[in-house]
PDB file of N, CA and C in Angstrom:
ATOM      1  N   UNK A   1       1.857   5.020  25.003  1.00  0.00           N
ATOM      2  CA  UNK A   1       2.332   3.739  25.472  1.00  0.00           C
ATOM      3  C   UNK A   1       3.847   3.806  25.598  1.00  0.00           C
ATOM      4  N   UNK A   2       4.343   3.278  26.664  1.00  0.00           N
ATOM      5  CA  UNK A   2       5.785   3.239  26.903  1.00  0.00           C
ATOM      6  C   UNK A   2       6.208   1.783  27.079  1.00  0.00           C
ATOM      7  N   UNK A   3       7.319   1.410  26.486  1.00  0.00           N
ATOM      8  CA  UNK A   3       7.809   0.045  26.560  1.00  0.00           C
ATOM      9  C   UNK A   3       9.210   0.034  27.134  1.00  0.00           C
ATOM     10  N   UNK A   4       9.472  -0.872  28.054  1.00  0.00           N
ATOM     11  CA  UNK A   4      10.805  -1.044  28.626  1.00  0.00           C
ATOM     12  C   UNK A   4      11.121  -2.536  28.652  1.00  0.00           C
ATOM     13  N   UNK A   5      12.391  -2.833  28.688  1.00  0.00           N
ATOM     14  CA  UNK A   5      12.834  -4.226  28.757  1.00  0.00           C
ATOM     15  C   UNK A   5      13.919  -4.347  29.808  1.00  0.00           C
ATOM     16  N   UNK A   6      13.838  -5.386  30.612  1.00  0.00           N
ATOM     17  CA  UNK A   6      14.874  -5.647  31.597  1.00  0.00           C
ATOM     18  C   UNK A   6      14.878  -7.142  31.884  1.00  0.00           C
ATOM     19  N   UNK A   7      15.997  -7.620  32.371  1.00  0.00           N
ATOM     20  CA  UNK A   7      16.117  -9.029  32.726  1.00  0.00           C
ATOM     21  C   UNK A   7      15.845  -9.192  34.209  1.00  0.00           C
ATOM     22  N   UNK A   8      15.158 -10.248  34.567  1.00  0.00           N
ATOM     23  CA  UNK A   8      14.841 -10.516  35.970  1.00  0.00           C
ATOM     24  C   UNK A   8      14.705 -12.021  36.166  1.00  0.00           C
ATOM     25  N   UNK A   9      14.808 -12.430  37.398  1.00  0.00           N
ATOM     26  CA  UNK A   9      14.606 -13.833  37.741  1.00  0.00           C
ATOM     27  C   UNK A   9      13.319 -13.925  38.553  1.00  0.00           C
ATOM     28  N   UNK A  10      12.437 -14.818  38.122  1.00  0.00           N
ATOM     29  CA  UNK A  10      11.175 -14.984  38.818  1.00  0.00           C
ATOM     30  C   UNK A  10      11.400 -15.889  40.028  1.00  0.00           C
ATOM     31  N   UNK A  11      10.940 -15.423  41.175  1.00  0.00           N
ATOM     32  CA  UNK A  11      11.028 -16.209  42.405  1.00  0.00           C
ATOM     33  C   UNK A  11       9.673 -16.173  43.089  1.00  0.00           C
ATOM     34  N   UNK A  12       9.154 -17.344  43.403  1.00  0.00           N
ATOM     35  CA  UNK A  12       7.850 -17.462  44.067  1.00  0.00           C
ATOM     36  C   UNK A  12       6.772 -16.689  43.312  1.00  0.00           C
ATOM     37  N   UNK A  13       6.766 -16.842  41.993  1.00  0.00           N
ATOM     38  CA  UNK A  13       5.794 -16.184  41.112  1.00  0.00           C
ATOM     39  C   UNK A  13       5.817 -14.666  41.227  1.00  0.00           C
ATOM     40  N   UNK A  14       6.985 -14.100  41.546  1.00  0.00           N
ATOM     41  CA  UNK A  14       7.135 -12.657  41.667  1.00  0.00           C
ATOM     42  C   UNK A  14       8.329 -12.190  40.844  1.00  0.00           C
ATOM     43  N   UNK A  15       8.142 -11.089  40.151  1.00  0.00           N
ATOM     44  CA  UNK A  15       9.227 -10.454  39.396  1.00  0.00           C
ATOM     45  C   UNK A  15       9.429  -9.069  39.986  1.00  0.00           C
ATOM     46  N   UNK A  16      10.637  -8.768  40.384  1.00  0.00           N
ATOM     47  CA  UNK A  16      10.935  -7.452  40.934  1.00  0.00           C
ATOM     48  C   UNK A  16      11.231  -6.489  39.785  1.00  0.00           C
ATOM     49  N   UNK A  17      10.546  -5.367  39.797  1.00  0.00           N
ATOM     50  CA  UNK A  17      10.738  -4.330  38.784  1.00  0.00           C
ATOM     51  C   UNK A  17      11.839  -3.392  39.278  1.00  0.00           C
ATOM     52  N   UNK A  18      12.840  -3.105  38.419  1.00  0.00           N
ATOM     53  CA  UNK A  18      13.914  -2.210  38.843  1.00  0.00           C
ATOM     54  C   UNK A  18      13.399  -0.840  39.270  1.00  0.00           C
ATOM     55  N   UNK A  19      14.094  -0.230  40.197  1.00  0.00           N
ATOM     56  CA  UNK A  19      13.681   1.082  40.719  1.00  0.00           C
ATOM     57  C   UNK A  19      13.614   2.155  39.636  1.00  0.00           C
ATOM     58  N   UNK A  20      14.362   1.964  38.566  1.00  0.00           N
ATOM     59  CA  UNK A  20      14.338   2.947  37.474  1.00  0.00           C
ATOM     60  C   UNK A  20      12.942   3.107  36.886  1.00  0.00           C
ATOM     61  N   UNK A  21      12.080   2.116  37.108  1.00  0.00           N
ATOM     62  CA  UNK A  21      10.728   2.154  36.563  1.00  0.00           C
ATOM     63  C   UNK A  21       9.693   2.373  37.663  1.00  0.00           C
ATOM     64  N   UNK A  22      10.048   3.135  38.672  1.00  0.00           N
ATOM     65  CA  UNK A  22       9.138   3.372  39.792  1.00  0.00           C
ATOM     66  C   UNK A  22       7.865   4.099  39.353  1.00  0.00           C
ATOM     67  N   UNK A  23       7.905   4.802  38.220  1.00  0.00           N
ATOM     68  CA  UNK A  23       6.707   5.475  37.714  1.00  0.00           C
ATOM     69  C   UNK A  23       5.625   4.475  37.307  1.00  0.00           C
ATOM     70  N   UNK A  24       5.994   3.226  37.117  1.00  0.00           N
ATOM     71  CA  UNK A  24       5.044   2.195  36.707  1.00  0.00           C
ATOM     72  C   UNK A  24       4.272   1.621  37.896  1.00  0.00           C
ATOM     73  N   UNK A  25       4.737   1.830  39.110  1.00  0.00           N
ATOM     74  CA  UNK A  25       4.092   1.254  40.287  1.00  0.00           C
ATOM     75  C   UNK A  25       2.664   1.762  40.405  1.00  0.00           C
ATOM     76  N   UNK A  26       1.778   0.889  40.806  1.00  0.00           N
ATOM     77  CA  UNK A  26       0.350   1.162  40.947  1.00  0.00           C
ATOM     78  C   UNK A  26      -0.318   1.543  39.622  1.00  0.00           C
ATOM     79  N   UNK A  27       0.285   1.131  38.509  1.00  0.00           N
ATOM     80  CA  UNK A  27      -0.283   1.354  37.181  1.00  0.00           C
ATOM     81  C   UNK A  27      -0.650   0.002  36.572  1.00  0.00           C
ATOM     82  N   UNK A  28      -1.587   0.003  35.675  1.00  0.00           N
ATOM     83  CA  UNK A  28      -1.930  -1.207  34.943  1.00  0.00           C
ATOM     84  C   UNK A  28      -0.910  -1.381  33.814  1.00  0.00           C
ATOM     85  N   UNK A  29      -0.270  -2.547  33.760  1.00  0.00           N
ATOM     86  CA  UNK A  29       0.765  -2.804  32.748  1.00  0.00           C
ATOM     87  C   UNK A  29       0.514  -4.160  32.097  1.00  0.00           C
ATOM     88  N   UNK A  30       1.100  -4.346  30.926  1.00  0.00           N
ATOM     89  CA  UNK A  30       1.083  -5.639  30.249  1.00  0.00           C
ATOM     90  C   UNK A  30       2.459  -6.264  30.424  1.00  0.00           C
ATOM     91  N   UNK A  31       2.479  -7.559  30.656  1.00  0.00           N
ATOM     92  CA  UNK A  31       3.738  -8.259  30.895  1.00  0.00           C
ATOM     93  C   UNK A  31       3.877  -9.394  29.885  1.00  0.00           C
ATOM     94  N   UNK A  32       5.053  -9.488  29.275  1.00  0.00           N
ATOM     95  CA  UNK A  32       5.384 -10.591  28.373  1.00  0.00           C
ATOM     96  C   UNK A  32       6.578 -11.310  28.979  1.00  0.00           C
ATOM     97  N   UNK A  33       6.438 -12.597  29.200  1.00  0.00           N
ATOM     98  CA  UNK A  33       7.531 -13.379  29.762  1.00  0.00           C
ATOM     99  C   UNK A  33       8.239 -14.133  28.651  1.00  0.00           C
ATOM    100  N   UNK A  34       9.559 -14.032  28.600  1.00  0.00           N
ATOM    101  CA  UNK A  34      10.373 -14.744  27.625  1.00  0.00           C
ATOM    102  C   UNK A  34      11.392 -15.556  28.397  1.00  0.00           C
ATOM    103  N   UNK A  35      11.301 -16.857  28.286  1.00  0.00           N
ATOM    104  CA  UNK A  35      12.218 -17.735  29.002  1.00  0.00           C
ATOM    105  C   UNK A  35      13.485 -17.906  28.182  1.00  0.00           C
ATOM    106  N   UNK A  36      14.619 -17.633  28.802  1.00  0.00           N
ATOM    107  CA  UNK A  36      15.898 -17.809  28.117  1.00  0.00           C
ATOM    108  C   UNK A  36      16.276 -19.273  28.155  1.00  0.00           C
ATOM    109  N   UNK A  37      16.668 -19.795  27.018  1.00  0.00           N
ATOM    110  CA  UNK A  37      17.117 -21.175  26.929  1.00  0.00           C
ATOM    111  C   UNK A  37      18.632 -21.163  26.807  1.00  0.00           C
ATOM    112  N   UNK A  38      19.305 -21.572  27.842  1.00  0.00           N
ATOM    113  CA  UNK A  38      20.772 -21.534  27.874  1.00  0.00           C
ATOM    114  C   UNK A  38      21.388 -22.528  26.898  1.00  0.00           C
ATOM    115  N   UNK A  39      20.616 -23.510  26.425  1.00  0.00           N
ATOM    116  CA  UNK A  39      21.152 -24.523  25.517  1.00  0.00           C
ATOM    117  C   UNK A  39      21.258 -24.027  24.080  1.00  0.00           C
ATOM    118  N   UNK A  40      20.527 -22.969  23.748  1.00  0.00           N
ATOM    119  CA  UNK A  40      20.557 -22.448  22.388  1.00  0.00           C
ATOM    120  C   UNK A  40      21.688 -21.460  22.220  1.00  0.00           C
ATOM    121  N   UNK A  41      22.416 -21.613  21.159  1.00  0.00           N
ATOM    122  CA  UNK A  41      23.501 -20.691  20.864  1.00  0.00           C
ATOM    123  C   UNK A  41      22.942 -19.511  20.076  1.00  0.00           C
ATOM    124  N   UNK A  42      23.323 -18.317  20.452  1.00  0.00           N
ATOM    125  CA  UNK A  42      22.881 -17.121  19.749  1.00  0.00           C
ATOM    126  C   UNK A  42      23.912 -16.677  18.719  1.00  0.00           C
ATOM    127  N   UNK A  43      24.874 -17.520  18.441  1.00  0.00           N
ATOM    128  CA  UNK A  43      25.928 -17.185  17.491  1.00  0.00           C
ATOM    129  C   UNK A  43      25.390 -17.292  16.075  1.00  0.00           C
ATOM    130  N   UNK A  44      25.121 -16.159  15.445  1.00  0.00           N
ATOM    131  CA  UNK A  44      24.590 -16.164  14.080  1.00  0.00           C
ATOM    132  C   UNK A  44      25.626 -16.612  13.067  1.00  0.00           C
ATOM    133  N   UNK A  45      26.873 -16.598  13.454  1.00  0.00           N
ATOM    134  CA  UNK A  45      27.935 -17.045  12.564  1.00  0.00           C
ATOM    135  C   UNK A  45      27.787 -18.499  12.149  1.00  0.00           C
ATOM    136  N   UNK A  46      27.056 -19.273  12.926  1.00  0.00           N
ATOM    137  CA  UNK A  46      26.878 -20.684  12.569  1.00  0.00           C
ATOM    138  C   UNK A  46      26.030 -20.846  11.314  1.00  0.00           C
ATOM    139  N   UNK A  47      25.310 -19.805  10.922  1.00  0.00           N
ATOM    140  CA  UNK A  47      24.507 -19.850   9.706  1.00  0.00           C
ATOM    141  C   UNK A  47      25.254 -19.292   8.496  1.00  0.00           C
ATOM    142  N   UNK A  48      26.441 -18.785   8.691  1.00  0.00           N
ATOM    143  CA  UNK A  48      27.202 -18.162   7.599  1.00  0.00           C
ATOM    144  C   UNK A  48      27.437 -19.162   6.478  1.00  0.00           C
ATOM    145  N   UNK A  49      27.139 -18.720   5.267  1.00  0.00           N
ATOM    146  CA  UNK A  49      27.401 -19.538   4.099  1.00  0.00           C
ATOM    147  C   UNK A  49      26.377 -20.619   3.832  1.00  0.00           C
ATOM    148  N   UNK A  50      25.302 -20.666   4.575  1.00  0.00           N
ATOM    149  CA  UNK A  50      24.320 -21.728   4.366  1.00  0.00           C
ATOM    150  C   UNK A  50      23.233 -21.334   3.376  1.00  0.00           C
ATOM    151  N   UNK A  51      23.146 -20.046   3.039  1.00  0.00           N
ATOM    152  CA  UNK A  51      22.134 -19.592   2.091  1.00  0.00           C
ATOM    153  C   UNK A  51      22.798 -19.340   0.745  1.00  0.00           C
ATOM    154  N   UNK A  52      22.241 -19.934  -0.290  1.00  0.00           N
ATOM    155  CA  UNK A  52      22.756 -19.747  -1.643  1.00  0.00           C
ATOM    156  C   UNK A  52      21.674 -19.078  -2.483  1.00  0.00           C
ATOM    157  N   UNK A  53      21.942 -17.893  -2.977  1.00  0.00           N
ATOM    158  CA  UNK A  53      20.977 -17.182  -3.809  1.00  0.00           C
ATOM    159  C   UNK A  53      21.219 -17.529  -5.265  1.00  0.00           C
ATOM    160  N   UNK A  54      20.166 -17.900  -5.957  1.00  0.00           N
ATOM    161  CA  UNK A  54      20.275 -18.238  -7.374  1.00  0.00           C
ATOM    162  C   UNK A  54      20.021 -17.023  -8.255  1.00  0.00           C
ATOM    163  N   UNK A  55      19.609 -15.937  -7.626  1.00  0.00           N
ATOM    164  CA  UNK A  55      19.243 -14.735  -8.364  1.00  0.00           C
ATOM    165  C   UNK A  55      19.635 -13.523  -7.534  1.00  0.00           C
ATOM    166  N   UNK A  56      19.982 -12.453  -8.208  1.00  0.00           N
ATOM    167  CA  UNK A  56      20.314 -11.208  -7.518  1.00  0.00           C
ATOM    168  C   UNK A  56      19.098 -10.778  -6.691  1.00  0.00           C
ATOM    169  N   UNK A  57      19.301 -10.452  -5.410  1.00  0.00           N
ATOM    170  CA  UNK A  57      18.163 -10.107  -4.546  1.00  0.00           C
ATOM    171  C   UNK A  57      17.317  -8.947  -5.063  1.00  0.00           C
ATOM    172  N   UNK A  58      17.955  -7.927  -5.628  1.00  0.00           N
ATOM    173  CA  UNK A  58      17.199  -6.781  -6.149  1.00  0.00           C
ATOM    174  C   UNK A  58      16.381  -7.205  -7.363  1.00  0.00           C
ATOM    175  N   UNK A  59      16.949  -8.016  -8.220  1.00  0.00           N
ATOM    176  CA  UNK A  59      16.229  -8.495  -9.399  1.00  0.00           C
ATOM    177  C   UNK A  59      15.034  -9.351  -8.965  1.00  0.00           C
ATOM    178  N   UNK A  60      15.227 -10.191  -7.970  1.00  0.00           N
ATOM    179  CA  UNK A  60      14.139 -11.021  -7.445  1.00  0.00           C
ATOM    180  C   UNK A  60      13.011 -10.151  -6.895  1.00  0.00           C
ATOM    181  N   UNK A  61      13.382  -9.133  -6.136  1.00  0.00           N
ATOM    182  CA  UNK A  61      12.382  -8.242  -5.546  1.00  0.00           C
ATOM    183  C   UNK A  61      11.584  -7.525  -6.637  1.00  0.00           C
ATOM    184  N   UNK A  62      12.258  -7.047  -7.647  1.00  0.00           N
ATOM    185  CA  UNK A  62      11.544  -6.365  -8.748  1.00  0.00           C
ATOM    186  C   UNK A  62      10.601  -7.321  -9.468  1.00  0.00           C
ATOM    187  N   UNK A  63      11.058  -8.546  -9.708  1.00  0.00           N
ATOM    188  CA  UNK A  63      10.226  -9.546 -10.378  1.00  0.00           C
ATOM    189  C   UNK A  63       8.977  -9.851  -9.549  1.00  0.00           C
ATOM    190  N   UNK A  64       9.132  -9.991  -8.244  1.00  0.00           N
ATOM    191  CA  UNK A  64       7.993 -10.254  -7.374  1.00  0.00           C
ATOM    192  C   UNK A  64       7.015  -9.085  -7.359  1.00  0.00           C
ATOM    193  N   UNK A  65       7.534  -7.876  -7.337  1.00  0.00           N
ATOM    194  CA  UNK A  65       6.666  -6.699  -7.304  1.00  0.00           C
ATOM    195  C   UNK A  65       5.868  -6.568  -8.601  1.00  0.00           C
ATOM    196  N   UNK A  66       6.441  -6.963  -9.722  1.00  0.00           N
ATOM    197  CA  UNK A  66       5.703  -6.914 -10.981  1.00  0.00           C
ATOM    198  C   UNK A  66       4.502  -7.851 -10.951  1.00  0.00           C
ATOM    199  N   UNK A  67       4.617  -8.950 -10.204  1.00  0.00           N
ATOM    200  CA  UNK A  67       3.500  -9.887 -10.106  1.00  0.00           C
ATOM    201  C   UNK A  67       2.353  -9.323  -9.287  1.00  0.00           C
ATOM    202  N   UNK A  68       2.644  -8.353  -8.414  1.00  0.00           N
ATOM    203  CA  UNK A  68       1.596  -7.764  -7.576  1.00  0.00           C
ATOM    204  C   UNK A  68       0.697  -6.824  -8.374  1.00  0.00           C
ATOM    205  N   UNK A  69       1.207  -6.313  -9.485  1.00  0.00           N
ATOM    206  CA  UNK A  69       0.441  -5.313 -10.262  1.00  0.00           C
ATOM    207  C   UNK A  69      -0.676  -5.942 -11.023  1.00  0.00           C
TER     208      UNK A  69
END
């Protein structure tokens, strides 16, 4: 299985595949459509400082793993 990703604009229910992927033509493929929302900010910095840990992450992980045994 080979996976590629590229950006395209759908027009008249058609998506043009870049020429770099000409080996895919006349092949059966799976397509996943992801709609970009221009209103959402992708700036992860807006989440900085919003998480407060009450316990050391490694200590928490060890404690959780002990419960699995």
